[in-house]
Amino acid sequence: MDPHTAMCVRLFLAQQQVFYPPYSSHLEPDDVFLFPRLNMALEGQRFSNISNIQAAVSKELNTVSKKDFLKSVQHLYERSRKSFVDGGNYFE
Protein backbone atom coordinates (compact mmCIF):
# COMPACT_ATOMS: atom_id res chain seq x y z
CA MET A 1 0.00 0.00 0.00
CA ASP A 2 1.27 3.46 -0.86
CA PRO A 3 1.60 5.75 2.16
CA HIS A 4 -0.79 8.32 0.73
CA THR A 5 -3.59 5.72 0.43
CA ALA A 6 -3.75 5.16 4.20
CA MET A 7 -7.05 6.45 5.60
CA CYS A 8 -5.44 9.00 7.95
CA VAL A 9 -3.43 10.46 5.05
CA ARG A 10 -6.46 10.54 2.75
CA LEU A 11 -8.46 12.36 5.44
CA PHE A 12 -5.66 14.86 5.99
CA LEU A 13 -5.33 15.55 2.26
CA ALA A 14 -9.10 15.98 1.95
CA GLN A 15 -9.14 18.43 4.86
CA GLN A 16 -6.33 20.39 3.22
CA GLN A 17 -8.16 20.20 -0.12
CA VAL A 18 -5.14 18.55 -1.71
CA PHE A 19 -5.67 16.25 -4.68
CA TYR A 20 -3.29 13.32 -4.85
CA PRO A 21 -3.98 10.39 -7.18
CA PRO A 22 -3.94 6.93 -5.54
CA TYR A 23 -0.89 5.86 -7.55
CA SER A 24 1.30 8.48 -9.08
CA SER A 25 4.87 7.31 -9.52
CA HIS A 26 5.49 10.18 -11.92
CA LEU A 27 4.97 12.55 -8.99
CA GLU A 28 7.57 11.00 -6.72
CA PRO A 29 10.50 13.43 -6.45
CA ASP A 30 13.02 10.78 -5.38
CA ASP A 31 12.18 8.62 -8.38
CA VAL A 32 12.67 11.39 -10.90
CA PHE A 33 15.59 13.22 -9.35
CA LEU A 34 17.65 11.44 -6.71
CA PHE A 35 17.35 7.74 -7.54
CA PRO A 36 18.43 8.02 -11.18
CA ARG A 37 21.34 10.22 -10.08
CA LEU A 38 22.38 7.68 -7.43
CA ASN A 39 21.95 4.81 -9.85
CA MET A 40 24.26 6.42 -12.40
CA ALA A 41 26.88 7.30 -9.79
CA LEU A 42 26.93 3.89 -8.10
CA GLU A 43 26.33 1.67 -11.13
CA GLY A 44 28.74 -1.23 -11.37
CA GLN A 45 30.23 -0.74 -7.91
CA ARG A 46 30.36 -3.58 -5.38
CA PHE A 47 30.11 -2.96 -1.66
CA SER A 48 31.28 -5.32 1.06
CA ASN A 49 28.96 -3.99 3.76
CA ILE A 50 26.16 -1.59 4.58
CA SER A 51 28.53 1.05 5.95
CA ASN A 52 30.30 1.28 2.58
CA ILE A 53 26.95 1.67 0.80
CA GLN A 54 25.88 4.38 3.22
CA ALA A 55 29.17 6.24 2.78
CA ALA A 56 28.96 6.10 -1.02
CA VAL A 57 25.32 7.25 -1.07
CA SER A 58 26.02 10.04 1.43
CA LYS A 59 29.01 11.20 -0.60
CA GLU A 60 26.90 11.36 -3.76
CA LEU A 61 23.97 13.10 -2.04
CA ASN A 62 26.34 15.73 -0.69
CA THR A 63 27.19 16.69 -4.28
CA VAL A 64 23.59 17.75 -4.95
CA SER A 65 23.49 21.51 -4.98
CA LYS A 66 20.75 23.52 -3.34
CA LYS A 67 19.91 24.94 -6.76
CA ASP A 68 19.47 21.44 -8.27
CA PHE A 69 17.32 20.29 -5.37
CA LEU A 70 15.11 23.40 -5.59
CA LYS A 71 14.80 22.86 -9.33
CA SER A 72 13.59 19.29 -8.72
CA VAL A 73 10.98 20.56 -6.25
CA GLN A 74 9.78 23.08 -8.85
CA HIS A 75 9.49 20.29 -11.44
CA LEU A 76 7.53 18.20 -8.92
CA TYR A 77 5.16 21.14 -8.42
CA GLU A 78 4.71 21.50 -12.19
CA ARG A 79 4.04 17.76 -12.64
CA SER A 80 1.60 17.80 -9.71
CA ARG A 81 -0.26 20.73 -11.19
CA LYS A 82 -0.39 19.07 -14.61
CA SER A 83 -1.67 15.85 -13.04
CA PHE A 84 -4.31 17.77 -11.09
CA VAL A 85 -5.52 19.60 -14.21
CA ASP A 86 -5.64 16.29 -16.10
CA GLY A 87 -7.66 14.53 -13.40
CA GLY A 88 -4.75 12.50 -12.01
CA ASN A 89 -3.92 10.71 -15.25
CA TYR A 90 -0.40 9.46 -15.85
CA PHE A 91 1.80 11.43 -18.21
CA GLU A 92 5.43 11.29 -19.32
PDB file of N, CA and C in Angstrom:
ATOM      1  N   MET A   1       0.845  -1.173   0.000  1.00  0.00           N
ATOM      2  CA  MET A   1       0.000   0.000   0.000  1.00  0.00           C
ATOM      3  C   MET A   1       0.892   1.237   0.000  1.00  0.00           C
ATOM      4  N   ASP A   2       0.562   2.186  -0.840  1.00  0.00           N
ATOM      5  CA  ASP A   2       1.273   3.456  -0.859  1.00  0.00           C
ATOM      6  C   ASP A   2       0.924   4.252   0.389  1.00  0.00           C
ATOM      7  N   PRO A   3       1.873   5.000   0.942  1.00  0.00           N
ATOM      8  CA  PRO A   3       1.605   5.750   2.163  1.00  0.00           C
ATOM      9  C   PRO A   3       0.434   6.716   2.036  1.00  0.00           C
ATOM     10  N   HIS A   4       0.274   7.320   0.857  1.00  0.00           N
ATOM     11  CA  HIS A   4      -0.790   8.318   0.735  1.00  0.00           C
ATOM     12  C   HIS A   4      -2.174   7.696   0.528  1.00  0.00           C
ATOM     13  N   THR A   5      -2.274   6.350   0.522  1.00  0.00           N
ATOM     14  CA  THR A   5      -3.592   5.719   0.429  1.00  0.00           C
ATOM     15  C   THR A   5      -4.109   5.317   1.804  1.00  0.00           C
ATOM     16  N   ALA A   6      -3.296   5.465   2.849  1.00  0.00           N
ATOM     17  CA  ALA A   6      -3.753   5.164   4.204  1.00  0.00           C
ATOM     18  C   ALA A   6      -4.887   6.131   4.556  1.00  0.00           C
ATOM     19  N   MET A   7      -5.869   5.649   5.290  1.00  0.00           N
ATOM     20  CA  MET A   7      -7.048   6.453   5.602  1.00  0.00           C
ATOM     21  C   MET A   7      -6.688   7.773   6.281  1.00  0.00           C
ATOM     22  N   CYS A   8      -5.777   7.751   7.248  1.00  0.00           N
ATOM     23  CA  CYS A   8      -5.441   8.995   7.948  1.00  0.00           C
ATOM     24  C   CYS A   8      -4.823  10.014   6.992  1.00  0.00           C
ATOM     25  N   VAL A   9      -4.034   9.548   6.031  1.00  0.00           N
ATOM     26  CA  VAL A   9      -3.431  10.457   5.054  1.00  0.00           C
ATOM     27  C   VAL A   9      -4.489  10.982   4.099  1.00  0.00           C
ATOM     28  N   ARG A  10      -5.383  10.103   3.644  1.00  0.00           N
ATOM     29  CA  ARG A  10      -6.463  10.542   2.748  1.00  0.00           C
ATOM     30  C   ARG A  10      -7.341  11.585   3.418  1.00  0.00           C
ATOM     31  N   LEU A  11      -7.655  11.382   4.709  1.00  0.00           N
ATOM     32  CA  LEU A  11      -8.463  12.359   5.440  1.00  0.00           C
ATOM     33  C   LEU A  11      -7.742  13.695   5.565  1.00  0.00           C
ATOM     34  N   PHE A  12      -6.451  13.632   5.882  1.00  0.00           N
ATOM     35  CA  PHE A  12      -5.665  14.864   5.991  1.00  0.00           C
ATOM     36  C   PHE A  12      -5.642  15.611   4.664  1.00  0.00           C
ATOM     37  N   LEU A  13      -5.375  14.905   3.573  1.00  0.00           N
ATOM     38  CA  LEU A  13      -5.327  15.549   2.259  1.00  0.00           C
ATOM     39  C   LEU A  13      -6.677  16.149   1.897  1.00  0.00           C
ATOM     40  N   ALA A  14      -7.760  15.456   2.226  1.00  0.00           N
ATOM     41  CA  ALA A  14      -9.099  15.979   1.951  1.00  0.00           C
ATOM     42  C   ALA A  14      -9.361  17.246   2.760  1.00  0.00           C
ATOM     43  N   GLN A  15      -8.957  17.244   4.020  1.00  0.00           N
ATOM     44  CA  GLN A  15      -9.141  18.429   4.857  1.00  0.00           C
ATOM     45  C   GLN A  15      -8.343  19.616   4.323  1.00  0.00           C
ATOM     46  N   GLN A  16      -7.178  19.341   3.766  1.00  0.00           N
ATOM     47  CA  GLN A  16      -6.327  20.389   3.218  1.00  0.00           C
ATOM     48  C   GLN A  16      -6.718  20.745   1.778  1.00  0.00           C
ATOM     49  N   GLN A  17      -7.697  20.030   1.259  1.00  0.00           N
ATOM     50  CA  GLN A  17      -8.157  20.201  -0.125  1.00  0.00           C
ATOM     51  C   GLN A  17      -7.012  19.993  -1.116  1.00  0.00           C
ATOM     52  N   VAL A  18      -6.265  18.920  -0.853  1.00  0.00           N
ATOM     53  CA  VAL A  18      -5.139  18.555  -1.713  1.00  0.00           C
ATOM     54  C   VAL A  18      -5.532  17.321  -2.501  1.00  0.00           C
ATOM     55  N   PHE A  19      -5.396  17.395  -3.810  1.00  0.00           N
ATOM     56  CA  PHE A  19      -5.673  16.251  -4.678  1.00  0.00           C
ATOM     57  C   PHE A  19      -4.386  15.475  -4.866  1.00  0.00           C
ATOM     58  N   TYR A  20      -4.447  14.172  -4.624  1.00  0.00           N
ATOM     59  CA  TYR A  20      -3.286  13.320  -4.853  1.00  0.00           C
ATOM     60  C   TYR A  20      -3.794  11.989  -5.362  1.00  0.00           C
ATOM     61  N   PRO A  21      -3.480  11.645  -6.609  1.00  0.00           N
ATOM     62  CA  PRO A  21      -3.979  10.390  -7.175  1.00  0.00           C
ATOM     63  C   PRO A  21      -3.515   9.187  -6.357  1.00  0.00           C
ATOM     64  N   PRO A  22      -4.285   8.098  -6.343  1.00  0.00           N
ATOM     65  CA  PRO A  22      -3.937   6.929  -5.540  1.00  0.00           C
ATOM     66  C   PRO A  22      -2.602   6.303  -5.906  1.00  0.00           C
ATOM     67  N   TYR A  23      -2.213   6.341  -7.163  1.00  0.00           N
ATOM     68  CA  TYR A  23      -0.894   5.858  -7.553  1.00  0.00           C
ATOM     69  C   TYR A  23      -0.328   6.839  -8.555  1.00  0.00           C
ATOM     70  N   SER A  24       0.753   7.448  -8.207  1.00  0.00           N
ATOM     71  CA  SER A  24       1.300   8.475  -9.081  1.00  0.00           C
ATOM     72  C   SER A  24       2.825   8.460  -9.013  1.00  0.00           C
ATOM     73  N   SER A  25       3.419   7.431  -9.569  1.00  0.00           N
ATOM     74  CA  SER A  25       4.874   7.308  -9.519  1.00  0.00           C
ATOM     75  C   SER A  25       5.568   8.462 -10.224  1.00  0.00           C
ATOM     76  N   HIS A  26       4.886   9.057 -11.202  1.00  0.00           N
ATOM     77  CA  HIS A  26       5.489  10.177 -11.923  1.00  0.00           C
ATOM     78  C   HIS A  26       5.535  11.444 -11.070  1.00  0.00           C
ATOM     79  N   LEU A  27       4.940  11.397  -9.879  1.00  0.00           N
ATOM     80  CA  LEU A  27       4.974  12.552  -8.987  1.00  0.00           C
ATOM     81  C   LEU A  27       5.914  12.349  -7.812  1.00  0.00           C
ATOM     82  N   GLU A  28       6.653  11.273  -7.808  1.00  0.00           N
ATOM     83  CA  GLU A  28       7.568  10.998  -6.717  1.00  0.00           C
ATOM     84  C   GLU A  28       8.900  11.695  -6.984  1.00  0.00           C
ATOM     85  N   PRO A  29       9.273  12.679  -6.172  1.00  0.00           N
ATOM     86  CA  PRO A  29      10.499  13.426  -6.450  1.00  0.00           C
ATOM     87  C   PRO A  29      11.755  12.576  -6.393  1.00  0.00           C
ATOM     88  N   ASP A  30      11.828  11.611  -5.469  1.00  0.00           N
ATOM     89  CA  ASP A  30      13.025  10.783  -5.383  1.00  0.00           C
ATOM     90  C   ASP A  30      13.206   9.930  -6.627  1.00  0.00           C
ATOM     91  N   ASP A  31      12.090   9.464  -7.203  1.00  0.00           N
ATOM     92  CA  ASP A  31      12.176   8.621  -8.383  1.00  0.00           C
ATOM     93  C   ASP A  31      12.667   9.388  -9.599  1.00  0.00           C
ATOM     94  N   VAL A  32      12.325  10.653  -9.688  1.00  0.00           N
ATOM     95  CA  VAL A  32      12.667  11.394 -10.896  1.00  0.00           C
ATOM     96  C   VAL A  32      13.910  12.254 -10.748  1.00  0.00           C
ATOM     97  N   PHE A  33      14.425  12.368  -9.537  1.00  0.00           N
ATOM     98  CA  PHE A  33      15.595  13.218  -9.345  1.00  0.00           C
ATOM     99  C   PHE A  33      16.752  12.474  -8.670  1.00  0.00           C
ATOM    100  N   LEU A  34      16.544  12.012  -7.460  1.00  0.00           N
ATOM    101  CA  LEU A  34      17.655  11.440  -6.708  1.00  0.00           C
ATOM    102  C   LEU A  34      18.013  10.016  -7.110  1.00  0.00           C
ATOM    103  N   PHE A  35      17.034   9.139  -7.267  1.00  0.00           N
ATOM    104  CA  PHE A  35      17.354   7.739  -7.539  1.00  0.00           C
ATOM    105  C   PHE A  35      18.083   7.540  -8.866  1.00  0.00           C
ATOM    106  N   PRO A  36      17.655   8.179  -9.953  1.00  0.00           N
ATOM    107  CA  PRO A  36      18.435   8.017 -11.183  1.00  0.00           C
ATOM    108  C   PRO A  36      19.866   8.542 -11.035  1.00  0.00           C
ATOM    109  N   ARG A  37      20.006   9.644 -10.308  1.00  0.00           N
ATOM    110  CA  ARG A  37      21.338  10.217 -10.084  1.00  0.00           C
ATOM    111  C   ARG A  37      22.209   9.239  -9.286  1.00  0.00           C
ATOM    112  N   LEU A  38      21.636   8.661  -8.232  1.00  0.00           N
ATOM    113  CA  LEU A  38      22.379   7.677  -7.432  1.00  0.00           C
ATOM    114  C   LEU A  38      22.695   6.439  -8.249  1.00  0.00           C
ATOM    115  N   ASN A  39      21.748   6.000  -9.029  1.00  0.00           N
ATOM    116  CA  ASN A  39      21.947   4.811  -9.852  1.00  0.00           C
ATOM    117  C   ASN A  39      23.117   5.000 -10.811  1.00  0.00           C
ATOM    118  N   MET A  40      23.162   6.158 -11.461  1.00  0.00           N
ATOM    119  CA  MET A  40      24.258   6.417 -12.402  1.00  0.00           C
ATOM    120  C   MET A  40      25.601   6.489 -11.679  1.00  0.00           C
ATOM    121  N   ALA A  41      25.623   7.127 -10.513  1.00  0.00           N
ATOM    122  CA  ALA A  41      26.882   7.304  -9.791  1.00  0.00           C
ATOM    123  C   ALA A  41      27.405   5.996  -9.199  1.00  0.00           C
ATOM    124  N   LEU A  42      26.512   5.113  -8.796  1.00  0.00           N
ATOM    125  CA  LEU A  42      26.930   3.893  -8.105  1.00  0.00           C
ATOM    126  C   LEU A  42      26.900   2.649  -8.983  1.00  0.00           C
ATOM    127  N   GLU A  43      26.463   2.815 -10.221  1.00  0.00           N
ATOM    128  CA  GLU A  43      26.327   1.674 -11.130  1.00  0.00           C
ATOM    129  C   GLU A  43      27.658   0.928 -11.280  1.00  0.00           C
ATOM    130  N   GLY A  44      27.580  -0.376 -11.162  1.00  0.00           N
ATOM    131  CA  GLY A  44      28.739  -1.226 -11.367  1.00  0.00           C
ATOM    132  C   GLY A  44      29.647  -1.386 -10.156  1.00  0.00           C
ATOM    133  N   GLN A  45      29.399  -0.626  -9.109  1.00  0.00           N
ATOM    134  CA  GLN A  45      30.232  -0.741  -7.906  1.00  0.00           C
ATOM    135  C   GLN A  45      29.750  -1.900  -7.044  1.00  0.00           C
ATOM    136  N   ARG A  46      30.673  -2.507  -6.329  1.00  0.00           N
ATOM    137  CA  ARG A  46      30.361  -3.579  -5.384  1.00  0.00           C
ATOM    138  C   ARG A  46      30.725  -3.085  -3.990  1.00  0.00           C
ATOM    139  N   PHE A  47      29.878  -3.397  -3.034  1.00  0.00           N
ATOM    140  CA  PHE A  47      30.109  -2.964  -1.661  1.00  0.00           C
ATOM    141  C   PHE A  47      30.164  -4.186  -0.756  1.00  0.00           C
ATOM    142  N   SER A  48      31.096  -4.160   0.182  1.00  0.00           N
ATOM    143  CA  SER A  48      31.279  -5.318   1.058  1.00  0.00           C
ATOM    144  C   SER A  48      30.385  -5.272   2.293  1.00  0.00           C
ATOM    145  N   ASN A  49      29.849  -4.088   2.603  1.00  0.00           N
ATOM    146  CA  ASN A  49      28.964  -3.994   3.760  1.00  0.00           C
ATOM    147  C   ASN A  49      28.070  -2.753   3.666  1.00  0.00           C
ATOM    148  N   ILE A  50      27.125  -2.686   4.566  1.00  0.00           N
ATOM    149  CA  ILE A  50      26.156  -1.589   4.579  1.00  0.00           C
ATOM    150  C   ILE A  50      26.837  -0.241   4.805  1.00  0.00           C
ATOM    151  N   SER A  51      27.831  -0.211   5.655  1.00  0.00           N
ATOM    152  CA  SER A  51      28.533   1.054   5.947  1.00  0.00           C
ATOM    153  C   SER A  51      29.158   1.649   4.689  1.00  0.00           C
ATOM    154  N   ASN A  52      29.708   0.794   3.836  1.00  0.00           N
ATOM    155  CA  ASN A  52      30.299   1.281   2.582  1.00  0.00           C
ATOM    156  C   ASN A  52      29.225   1.825   1.644  1.00  0.00           C
ATOM    157  N   ILE A  53      28.073   1.179   1.620  1.00  0.00           N
ATOM    158  CA  ILE A  53      26.954   1.669   0.801  1.00  0.00           C
ATOM    159  C   ILE A  53      26.509   3.029   1.317  1.00  0.00           C
ATOM    160  N   GLN A  54      26.324   3.121   2.625  1.00  0.00           N
ATOM    161  CA  GLN A  54      25.880   4.383   3.223  1.00  0.00           C
ATOM    162  C   GLN A  54      26.870   5.508   2.939  1.00  0.00           C
ATOM    163  N   ALA A  55      28.143   5.220   3.035  1.00  0.00           N
ATOM    164  CA  ALA A  55      29.165   6.239   2.779  1.00  0.00           C
ATOM    165  C   ALA A  55      29.122   6.701   1.322  1.00  0.00           C
ATOM    166  N   ALA A  56      28.991   5.751   0.396  1.00  0.00           N
ATOM    167  CA  ALA A  56      28.961   6.098  -1.025  1.00  0.00           C
ATOM    168  C   ALA A  56      27.713   6.912  -1.370  1.00  0.00           C
ATOM    169  N   VAL A  57      26.570   6.516  -0.809  1.00  0.00           N
ATOM    170  CA  VAL A  57      25.319   7.251  -1.068  1.00  0.00           C
ATOM    171  C   VAL A  57      25.400   8.644  -0.451  1.00  0.00           C
ATOM    172  N   SER A  58      25.886   8.736   0.770  1.00  0.00           N
ATOM    173  CA  SER A  58      26.024  10.041   1.432  1.00  0.00           C
ATOM    174  C   SER A  58      26.952  10.962   0.649  1.00  0.00           C
ATOM    175  N   LYS A  59      28.054  10.399   0.178  1.00  0.00           N
ATOM    176  CA  LYS A  59      29.012  11.198  -0.601  1.00  0.00           C
ATOM    177  C   LYS A  59      28.336  11.754  -1.860  1.00  0.00           C
ATOM    178  N   GLU A  60      27.572  10.914  -2.542  1.00  0.00           N
ATOM    179  CA  GLU A  60      26.896  11.363  -3.764  1.00  0.00           C
ATOM    180  C   GLU A  60      25.809  12.391  -3.445  1.00  0.00           C
ATOM    181  N   LEU A  61      25.035  12.148  -2.399  1.00  0.00           N
ATOM    182  CA  LEU A  61      23.971  13.095  -2.038  1.00  0.00           C
ATOM    183  C   LEU A  61      24.538  14.453  -1.648  1.00  0.00           C
ATOM    184  N   ASN A  62      25.717  14.460  -1.065  1.00  0.00           N
ATOM    185  CA  ASN A  62      26.341  15.733  -0.691  1.00  0.00           C
ATOM    186  C   ASN A  62      26.799  16.548  -1.890  1.00  0.00           C
ATOM    187  N   THR A  63      26.818  15.937  -3.069  1.00  0.00           N
ATOM    188  CA  THR A  63      27.187  16.685  -4.276  1.00  0.00           C
ATOM    189  C   THR A  63      25.992  17.394  -4.901  1.00  0.00           C
ATOM    190  N   VAL A  64      24.791  17.112  -4.413  1.00  0.00           N
ATOM    191  CA  VAL A  64      23.591  17.748  -4.954  1.00  0.00           C
ATOM    192  C   VAL A  64      23.546  19.181  -4.448  1.00  0.00           C
ATOM    193  N   SER A  65      23.528  20.105  -5.380  1.00  0.00           N
ATOM    194  CA  SER A  65      23.493  21.514  -4.981  1.00  0.00           C
ATOM    195  C   SER A  65      22.087  21.923  -4.555  1.00  0.00           C
ATOM    196  N   LYS A  66      22.040  22.964  -3.777  1.00  0.00           N
ATOM    197  CA  LYS A  66      20.753  23.516  -3.339  1.00  0.00           C
ATOM    198  C   LYS A  66      19.922  23.930  -4.561  1.00  0.00           C
ATOM    199  N   LYS A  67      20.585  24.500  -5.542  1.00  0.00           N
ATOM    200  CA  LYS A  67      19.909  24.939  -6.763  1.00  0.00           C
ATOM    201  C   LYS A  67      19.271  23.746  -7.486  1.00  0.00           C
ATOM    202  N   ASP A  68      20.007  22.633  -7.609  1.00  0.00           N
ATOM    203  CA  ASP A  68      19.471  21.443  -8.274  1.00  0.00           C
ATOM    204  C   ASP A  68      18.294  20.861  -7.507  1.00  0.00           C
ATOM    205  N   PHE A  69      18.416  20.827  -6.176  1.00  0.00           N
ATOM    206  CA  PHE A  69      17.322  20.293  -5.366  1.00  0.00           C
ATOM    207  C   PHE A  69      16.075  21.170  -5.512  1.00  0.00           C
ATOM    208  N   LEU A  70      16.245  22.491  -5.437  1.00  0.00           N
ATOM    209  CA  LEU A  70      15.105  23.399  -5.588  1.00  0.00           C
ATOM    210  C   LEU A  70      14.477  23.275  -6.978  1.00  0.00           C
ATOM    211  N   LYS A  71      15.304  23.062  -7.973  1.00  0.00           N
ATOM    212  CA  LYS A  71      14.802  22.860  -9.332  1.00  0.00           C
ATOM    213  C   LYS A  71      13.949  21.593  -9.403  1.00  0.00           C
ATOM    214  N   SER A  72      14.374  20.532  -8.710  1.00  0.00           N
ATOM    215  CA  SER A  72      13.593  19.294  -8.722  1.00  0.00           C
ATOM    216  C   SER A  72      12.256  19.484  -8.018  1.00  0.00           C
ATOM    217  N   VAL A  73      12.236  20.280  -6.947  1.00  0.00           N
ATOM    218  CA  VAL A  73      10.979  20.562  -6.251  1.00  0.00           C
ATOM    219  C   VAL A  73      10.051  21.356  -7.166  1.00  0.00           C
ATOM    220  N   GLN A  74      10.592  22.300  -7.914  1.00  0.00           N
ATOM    221  CA  GLN A  74       9.778  23.077  -8.852  1.00  0.00           C
ATOM    222  C   GLN A  74       9.198  22.164  -9.936  1.00  0.00           C
ATOM    223  N   HIS A  75       9.994  21.227 -10.436  1.00  0.00           N
ATOM    224  CA  HIS A  75       9.494  20.285 -11.439  1.00  0.00           C
ATOM    225  C   HIS A  75       8.403  19.393 -10.852  1.00  0.00           C
ATOM    226  N   LEU A  76       8.571  18.989  -9.599  1.00  0.00           N
ATOM    227  CA  LEU A  76       7.535  18.201  -8.925  1.00  0.00           C
ATOM    228  C   LEU A  76       6.239  19.010  -8.852  1.00  0.00           C
ATOM    229  N   TYR A  77       6.348  20.269  -8.484  1.00  0.00           N
ATOM    230  CA  TYR A  77       5.165  21.144  -8.421  1.00  0.00           C
ATOM    231  C   TYR A  77       4.488  21.213  -9.786  1.00  0.00           C
ATOM    232  N   GLU A  78       5.268  21.402 -10.835  1.00  0.00           N
ATOM    233  CA  GLU A  78       4.708  21.505 -12.186  1.00  0.00           C
ATOM    234  C   GLU A  78       4.025  20.207 -12.605  1.00  0.00           C
ATOM    235  N   ARG A  79       4.654  19.058 -12.304  1.00  0.00           N
ATOM    236  CA  ARG A  79       4.041  17.764 -12.636  1.00  0.00           C
ATOM    237  C   ARG A  79       2.768  17.547 -11.826  1.00  0.00           C
ATOM    238  N   SER A  80       2.795  17.945 -10.551  1.00  0.00           N
ATOM    239  CA  SER A  80       1.603  17.802  -9.708  1.00  0.00           C
ATOM    240  C   SER A  80       0.456  18.644 -10.250  1.00  0.00           C
ATOM    241  N   ARG A  81       0.764  19.845 -10.643  1.00  0.00           N
ATOM    242  CA  ARG A  81      -0.263  20.733 -11.194  1.00  0.00           C
ATOM    243  C   ARG A  81      -0.824  20.158 -12.495  1.00  0.00           C
ATOM    244  N   LYS A  82       0.055  19.671 -13.353  1.00  0.00           N
ATOM    245  CA  LYS A  82      -0.391  19.073 -14.608  1.00  0.00           C
ATOM    246  C   LYS A  82      -1.279  17.856 -14.345  1.00  0.00           C
ATOM    247  N   SER A  83      -0.880  17.025 -13.390  1.00  0.00           N
ATOM    248  CA  SER A  83      -1.670  15.849 -13.039  1.00  0.00           C
ATOM    249  C   SER A  83      -3.027  16.252 -12.486  1.00  0.00           C
ATOM    250  N   PHE A  84      -3.050  17.284 -11.658  1.00  0.00           N
ATOM    251  CA  PHE A  84      -4.306  17.771 -11.086  1.00  0.00           C
ATOM    252  C   PHE A  84      -5.241  18.259 -12.192  1.00  0.00           C
ATOM    253  N   VAL A  85      -4.710  19.053 -13.108  1.00  0.00           N
ATOM    254  CA  VAL A  85      -5.521  19.598 -14.206  1.00  0.00           C
ATOM    255  C   VAL A  85      -6.050  18.475 -15.090  1.00  0.00           C
ATOM    256  N   ASP A  86      -5.261  17.415 -15.242  1.00  0.00           N
ATOM    257  CA  ASP A  86      -5.641  16.293 -16.101  1.00  0.00           C
ATOM    258  C   ASP A  86      -6.395  15.200 -15.345  1.00  0.00           C
ATOM    259  N   GLY A  87      -6.857  15.492 -14.144  1.00  0.00           N
ATOM    260  CA  GLY A  87      -7.659  14.530 -13.402  1.00  0.00           C
ATOM    261  C   GLY A  87      -6.865  13.378 -12.808  1.00  0.00           C
ATOM    262  N   GLY A  88      -5.558  13.540 -12.625  1.00  0.00           N
ATOM    263  CA  GLY A  88      -4.751  12.502 -12.008  1.00  0.00           C
ATOM    264  C   GLY A  88      -4.226  11.468 -12.970  1.00  0.00           C
ATOM    265  N   ASN A  89      -4.411  11.667 -14.260  1.00  0.00           N
ATOM    266  CA  ASN A  89      -3.924  10.706 -15.245  1.00  0.00           C
ATOM    267  C   ASN A  89      -2.396  10.723 -15.322  1.00  0.00           C
ATOM    268  N   TYR A  90      -1.839   9.584 -15.709  1.00  0.00           N
ATOM    269  CA  TYR A  90      -0.403   9.460 -15.851  1.00  0.00           C
ATOM    270  C   TYR A  90       0.045  10.194 -17.104  1.00  0.00           C
ATOM    271  N   PHE A  91       1.219  10.784 -17.039  1.00  0.00           N
ATOM    272  CA  PHE A  91       1.804  11.428 -18.209  1.00  0.00           C
ATOM    273  C   PHE A  91       3.305  11.258 -18.148  1.00  0.00           C
ATOM    274  N   GLU A  92       3.963  11.427 -19.260  1.00  0.00           N
ATOM    275  CA  GLU A  92       5.432  11.295 -19.318  1.00  0.00           C
ATOM    276  C   GLU A  92       6.079  12.600 -18.930  1.00  0.00           C
TER     277      GLU A  92
END
